[in-house]
PDB file of N, CA and C in Angstrom:
ATOM      1  N   MET A   1       1.964   4.780   3.430  1.00  0.00           N
ATOM      2  CA  MET A   1       2.026   4.102   4.699  1.00  0.00           C
ATOM      3  C   MET A   1       1.622   5.067   5.813  1.00  0.00           C
ATOM      4  N   GLY A   2       2.133   6.285   5.725  1.00  0.00           N
ATOM      5  CA  GLY A   2       1.810   7.261   6.755  1.00  0.00           C
ATOM      6  C   GLY A   2       0.326   7.574   6.814  1.00  0.00           C
ATOM      7  N   GLN A   3      -0.312   7.612   5.645  1.00  0.00           N
ATOM      8  CA  GLN A   3      -1.742   7.899   5.624  1.00  0.00           C
ATOM      9  C   GLN A   3      -2.539   6.772   6.267  1.00  0.00           C
ATOM     10  N   LEU A   4      -2.109   5.543   6.066  1.00  0.00           N
ATOM     11  CA  LEU A   4      -2.812   4.425   6.699  1.00  0.00           C
ATOM     12  C   LEU A   4      -2.589   4.424   8.202  1.00  0.00           C
ATOM     13  N   ARG A   5      -1.393   4.764   8.632  1.00  0.00           N
ATOM     14  CA  ARG A   5      -1.102   4.797  10.073  1.00  0.00           C
ATOM     15  C   ARG A   5      -1.916   5.868  10.784  1.00  0.00           C
ATOM     16  N   ARG A   6      -1.987   7.040  10.178  1.00  0.00           N
ATOM     17  CA  ARG A   6      -2.661   8.166  10.831  1.00  0.00           C
ATOM     18  C   ARG A   6      -4.142   8.251  10.487  1.00  0.00           C
ATOM     19  N   ARG A   7      -4.603   7.335   9.614  1.00  0.00           N
ATOM     20  CA  ARG A   7      -5.993   7.361   9.149  1.00  0.00           C
ATOM     21  C   ARG A   7      -6.335   8.718   8.549  1.00  0.00           C
ATOM     22  N   ARG A   8      -5.421   9.228   7.752  1.00  0.00           N
ATOM     23  CA  ARG A   8      -5.628  10.507   7.079  1.00  0.00           C
ATOM     24  C   ARG A   8      -5.801  10.227   5.584  1.00  0.00           C
ATOM     25  N   PRO A   9      -7.014  10.300   5.065  1.00  0.00           N
ATOM     26  CA  PRO A   9      -7.230   9.955   3.656  1.00  0.00           C
ATOM     27  C   PRO A   9      -6.619  10.981   2.708  1.00  0.00           C
ATOM     28  N   PRO A  10      -6.170  10.519   1.534  1.00  0.00           N
ATOM     29  CA  PRO A  10      -5.631  11.439   0.527  1.00  0.00           C
ATOM     30  C   PRO A  10      -6.762  12.239  -0.114  1.00  0.00           C
ATOM     31  N   LYS A  11      -6.410  13.338  -0.740  1.00  0.00           N
ATOM     32  CA  LYS A  11      -7.410  14.206  -1.356  1.00  0.00           C
ATOM     33  C   LYS A  11      -7.718  13.818  -2.798  1.00  0.00           C
ATOM     34  N   THR A  12      -6.779  13.187  -3.480  1.00  0.00           N
ATOM     35  CA  THR A  12      -6.975  12.780  -4.867  1.00  0.00           C
ATOM     36  C   THR A  12      -8.020  11.665  -4.926  1.00  0.00           C
ATOM     37  N   PRO A  13      -9.049  11.814  -5.774  1.00  0.00           N
ATOM     38  CA  PRO A  13     -10.119  10.809  -5.820  1.00  0.00           C
ATOM     39  C   PRO A  13      -9.630   9.378  -6.054  1.00  0.00           C
ATOM     40  N   ARG A  14      -8.717   9.170  -6.988  1.00  0.00           N
ATOM     41  CA  ARG A  14      -8.225   7.813  -7.275  1.00  0.00           C
ATOM     42  C   ARG A  14      -7.492   7.233  -6.061  1.00  0.00           C
ATOM     43  N   LEU A  15      -6.650   8.040  -5.428  1.00  0.00           N
ATOM     44  CA  LEU A  15      -5.936   7.567  -4.242  1.00  0.00           C
ATOM     45  C   LEU A  15      -6.884   7.367  -3.065  1.00  0.00           C
ATOM     46  N   PHE A  16      -7.925   8.202  -2.994  1.00  0.00           N
ATOM     47  CA  PHE A  16      -8.901   8.041  -1.919  1.00  0.00           C
ATOM     48  C   PHE A  16      -9.619   6.699  -2.041  1.00  0.00           C
ATOM     49  N   ASP A  17      -9.972   6.308  -3.276  1.00  0.00           N
ATOM     50  CA  ASP A  17     -10.627   5.013  -3.489  1.00  0.00           C
ATOM     51  C   ASP A  17      -9.726   3.865  -3.043  1.00  0.00           C
ATOM     52  N   LEU A  18      -8.439   3.928  -3.403  1.00  0.00           N
ATOM     53  CA  LEU A  18      -7.498   2.893  -2.976  1.00  0.00           C
ATOM     54  C   LEU A  18      -7.340   2.885  -1.461  1.00  0.00           C
ATOM     55  N   TYR A  19      -7.241   4.078  -0.887  1.00  0.00           N
ATOM     56  CA  TYR A  19      -7.122   4.204   0.570  1.00  0.00           C
ATOM     57  C   TYR A  19      -8.318   3.553   1.253  1.00  0.00           C
ATOM     58  N   ARG A  20      -9.510   3.843   0.756  1.00  0.00           N
ATOM     59  CA  ARG A  20     -10.733   3.295   1.345  1.00  0.00           C
ATOM     60  C   ARG A  20     -10.748   1.767   1.257  1.00  0.00           C
ATOM     61  N   GLN A  21     -10.329   1.227   0.108  1.00  0.00           N
ATOM     62  CA  GLN A  21     -10.275  -0.230  -0.056  1.00  0.00           C
ATOM     63  C   GLN A  21      -9.296  -0.857   0.942  1.00  0.00           C
ATOM     64  N   PHE A  22      -8.122  -0.247   1.098  1.00  0.00           N
ATOM     65  CA  PHE A  22      -7.138  -0.769   2.044  1.00  0.00           C
ATOM     66  C   PHE A  22      -7.633  -0.671   3.480  1.00  0.00           C
ATOM     67  N   ARG A  23      -8.297   0.429   3.805  1.00  0.00           N
ATOM     68  CA  ARG A  23      -8.813   0.587   5.169  1.00  0.00           C
ATOM     69  C   ARG A  23      -9.851  -0.483   5.460  1.00  0.00           C
ATOM     70  N   LEU A  24     -10.785  -0.692   4.518  1.00  0.00           N
ATOM     71  CA  LEU A  24     -11.825  -1.695   4.723  1.00  0.00           C
ATOM     72  C   LEU A  24     -11.224  -3.092   4.849  1.00  0.00           C
ATOM     73  N   LEU A  25     -10.277  -3.409   3.980  1.00  0.00           N
ATOM     74  CA  LEU A  25      -9.621  -4.714   4.036  1.00  0.00           C
ATOM     75  C   LEU A  25      -8.860  -4.885   5.350  1.00  0.00           C
ATOM     76  N   GLY A  26      -8.119  -3.862   5.725  1.00  0.00           N
ATOM     77  CA  GLY A  26      -7.370  -3.914   6.980  1.00  0.00           C
ATOM     78  C   GLY A  26      -8.284  -4.081   8.179  1.00  0.00           C
ATOM     79  N   ASP A  27      -9.407  -3.379   8.173  1.00  0.00           N
ATOM     80  CA  ASP A  27     -10.359  -3.500   9.280  1.00  0.00           C
ATOM     81  C   ASP A  27     -10.973  -4.898   9.323  1.00  0.00           C
ATOM     82  N   ARG A  28     -11.307  -5.449   8.154  1.00  0.00           N
ATOM     83  CA  ARG A  28     -11.891  -6.801   8.102  1.00  0.00           C
ATOM     84  C   ARG A  28     -10.901  -7.862   8.559  1.00  0.00           C
ATOM     85  N   LEU A  29      -9.619  -7.641   8.267  1.00  0.00           N
ATOM     86  CA  LEU A  29      -8.590  -8.602   8.660  1.00  0.00           C
ATOM     87  C   LEU A  29      -8.094  -8.384  10.089  1.00  0.00           C
ATOM     88  N   GLY A  30      -8.539  -7.309  10.710  1.00  0.00           N
ATOM     89  CA  GLY A  30      -8.133  -7.037  12.082  1.00  0.00           C
ATOM     90  C   GLY A  30      -6.737  -6.450  12.203  1.00  0.00           C
ATOM     91  N   VAL A  31      -6.304  -5.709  11.184  1.00  0.00           N
ATOM     92  CA  VAL A  31      -4.979  -5.087  11.228  1.00  0.00           C
ATOM     93  C   VAL A  31      -4.985  -4.005  12.306  1.00  0.00           C
ATOM     94  N   ILE A  32      -4.061  -4.119  13.234  1.00  0.00           N
ATOM     95  CA  ILE A  32      -3.978  -3.158  14.329  1.00  0.00           C
ATOM     96  C   ILE A  32      -2.994  -2.049  13.998  1.00  0.00           C
ATOM     97  N   THR A  33      -1.894  -2.403  13.355  1.00  0.00           N
ATOM     98  CA  THR A  33      -0.880  -1.409  13.007  1.00  0.00           C
ATOM     99  C   THR A  33      -0.287  -1.733  11.643  1.00  0.00           C
ATOM    100  N   TRP A  34       0.175  -0.711  10.967  1.00  0.00           N
ATOM    101  CA  TRP A  34       0.815  -0.856   9.665  1.00  0.00           C
ATOM    102  C   TRP A  34       2.305  -0.631   9.842  1.00  0.00           C
ATOM    103  N   ILE A  35       3.111  -1.526   9.262  1.00  0.00           N
ATOM    104  CA  ILE A  35       4.563  -1.435   9.381  1.00  0.00           C
ATOM    105  C   ILE A  35       5.180  -1.417   7.995  1.00  0.00           C
ATOM    106  N   HIS A  36       6.102  -0.509   7.771  1.00  0.00           N
ATOM    107  CA  HIS A  36       6.800  -0.418   6.492  1.00  0.00           C
ATOM    108  C   HIS A  36       8.035  -1.301   6.535  1.00  0.00           C
ATOM    109  N   HIS A  37       8.153  -2.196   5.567  1.00  0.00           N
ATOM    110  CA  HIS A  37       9.335  -3.052   5.448  1.00  0.00           C
ATOM    111  C   HIS A  37      10.168  -2.547   4.277  1.00  0.00           C
ATOM    112  N   LEU A  38      11.435  -2.303   4.510  1.00  0.00           N
ATOM    113  CA  LEU A  38      12.313  -1.838   3.445  1.00  0.00           C
ATOM    114  C   LEU A  38      12.394  -2.879   2.339  1.00  0.00           C
ATOM    115  N   ARG A  39      12.527  -2.412   1.101  1.00  0.00           N
ATOM    116  CA  ARG A  39      12.578  -3.320  -0.039  1.00  0.00           C
ATOM    117  C   ARG A  39      13.718  -4.320   0.075  1.00  0.00           C
ATOM    118  N   GLN A  40      14.801  -3.923   0.684  1.00  0.00           N
ATOM    119  CA  GLN A  40      15.945  -4.834   0.790  1.00  0.00           C
ATOM    120  C   GLN A  40      15.632  -6.032   1.681  1.00  0.00           C
ATOM    121  N   TYR A  41      14.585  -5.932   2.494  1.00  0.00           N
ATOM    122  CA  TYR A  41      14.194  -7.041   3.361  1.00  0.00           C
ATOM    123  C   TYR A  41      12.938  -7.760   2.870  1.00  0.00           C
ATOM    124  N   ASN A  42      12.415  -7.348   1.733  1.00  0.00           N
ATOM    125  CA  ASN A  42      11.202  -7.949   1.195  1.00  0.00           C
ATOM    126  C   ASN A  42      11.431  -8.228  -0.284  1.00  0.00           C
ATOM    127  N   ARG A  43      12.012  -9.370  -0.584  1.00  0.00           N
ATOM    128  CA  ARG A  43      12.433  -9.692  -1.953  1.00  0.00           C
ATOM    129  C   ARG A  43      11.271  -9.759  -2.933  1.00  0.00           C
ATOM    130  N   MET A  44      10.136 -10.309  -2.533  1.00  0.00           N
ATOM    131  CA  MET A  44       8.995 -10.416  -3.440  1.00  0.00           C
ATOM    132  C   MET A  44       8.479  -9.030  -3.819  1.00  0.00           C
ATOM    133  N   ALA A  45       8.323  -8.146  -2.848  1.00  0.00           N
ATOM    134  CA  ALA A  45       7.863  -6.793  -3.142  1.00  0.00           C
ATOM    135  C   ALA A  45       8.870  -6.072  -4.022  1.00  0.00           C
ATOM    136  N   ASP A  46      10.148  -6.270  -3.765  1.00  0.00           N
ATOM    137  CA  ASP A  46      11.197  -5.657  -4.571  1.00  0.00           C
ATOM    138  C   ASP A  46      11.117  -6.150  -6.012  1.00  0.00           C
ATOM    139  N   ALA A  47      10.930  -7.453  -6.202  1.00  0.00           N
ATOM    140  CA  ALA A  47      10.840  -8.017  -7.552  1.00  0.00           C
ATOM    141  C   ALA A  47       9.615  -7.486  -8.285  1.00  0.00           C
ATOM    142  N   LEU A  48       8.470  -7.425  -7.610  1.00  0.00           N
ATOM    143  CA  LEU A  48       7.258  -6.902  -8.244  1.00  0.00           C
ATOM    144  C   LEU A  48       7.394  -5.420  -8.580  1.00  0.00           C
ATOM    145  N   ALA A  49       8.021  -4.655  -7.704  1.00  0.00           N
ATOM    146  CA  ALA A  49       8.234  -3.234  -7.974  1.00  0.00           C
ATOM    147  C   ALA A  49       9.138  -3.050  -9.183  1.00  0.00           C
ATOM    148  N   ASN A  50      10.169  -3.866  -9.299  1.00  0.00           N
ATOM    149  CA  ASN A  50      11.064  -3.775 -10.451  1.00  0.00           C
ATOM    150  C   ASN A  50      10.349  -4.133 -11.744  1.00  0.00           C
ATOM    151  N   VAL A  51       9.519  -5.172 -11.730  1.00  0.00           N
ATOM    152  CA  VAL A  51       8.755  -5.548 -12.925  1.00  0.00           C
ATOM    153  C   VAL A  51       7.810  -4.418 -13.312  1.00  0.00           C
ATOM    154  N   ALA A  52       7.130  -3.841 -12.329  1.00  0.00           N
ATOM    155  CA  ALA A  52       6.196  -2.749 -12.606  1.00  0.00           C
ATOM    156  C   ALA A  52       6.921  -1.547 -13.199  1.00  0.00           C
ATOM    157  N   MET A  53       8.087  -1.217 -12.663  1.00  0.00           N
ATOM    158  CA  MET A  53       8.838  -0.071 -13.192  1.00  0.00           C
ATOM    159  C   MET A  53       9.380  -0.357 -14.587  1.00  0.00           C
ATOM    160  N   ASP A  54       9.867  -1.573 -14.801  1.00  0.00           N
ATOM    161  CA  ASP A  54      10.430  -1.924 -16.105  1.00  0.00           C
ATOM    162  C   ASP A  54       9.366  -1.992 -17.190  1.00  0.00           C
ATOM    163  N   SER A  55       8.180  -2.468 -16.847  1.00  0.00           N
ATOM    164  CA  SER A  55       7.121  -2.614 -17.848  1.00  0.00           C
ATOM    165  C   SER A  55       6.147  -1.439 -17.838  1.00  0.00           C
ATOM    166  N   ARG A  56       6.348  -0.517 -16.898  1.00  0.00           N
ATOM    167  CA  ARG A  56       5.459   0.637 -16.726  1.00  0.00           C
ATOM    168  C   ARG A  56       4.022   0.196 -16.474  1.00  0.00           C
ATOM    169  N   ARG A  57       3.883  -0.942 -15.768  1.00  0.00           N
ATOM    170  CA  ARG A  57       2.576  -1.467 -15.382  1.00  0.00           C
ATOM    171  C   ARG A  57       2.555  -1.683 -13.881  1.00  0.00           C
ATOM    172  N   SER A  58       1.359  -1.720 -13.348  1.00  0.00           N
ATOM    173  CA  SER A  58       1.201  -1.977 -11.926  1.00  0.00           C
ATOM    174  C   SER A  58       0.488  -3.305 -11.731  1.00  0.00           C
ATOM    175  N   PHE A  59       0.798  -3.987 -10.649  1.00  0.00           N
ATOM    176  CA  PHE A  59       0.154  -5.264 -10.351  1.00  0.00           C
ATOM    177  C   PHE A  59      -0.681  -5.156  -9.112  1.00  0.00           C
TER     178      PHE A  59
END
């Protein structure tokens, strides 16, 4: 989240590719600011994170 807010790309190639995709998508959608929502206030994200951790897969 901090990297998206400060527009500071990561150095790892795989993370840089993801960062670039998010930046392009955010720019196309007109995202002005990025806000972090705690998992306790975002049930869907919490459920997906739990499934990913339990199955060792990412969605």
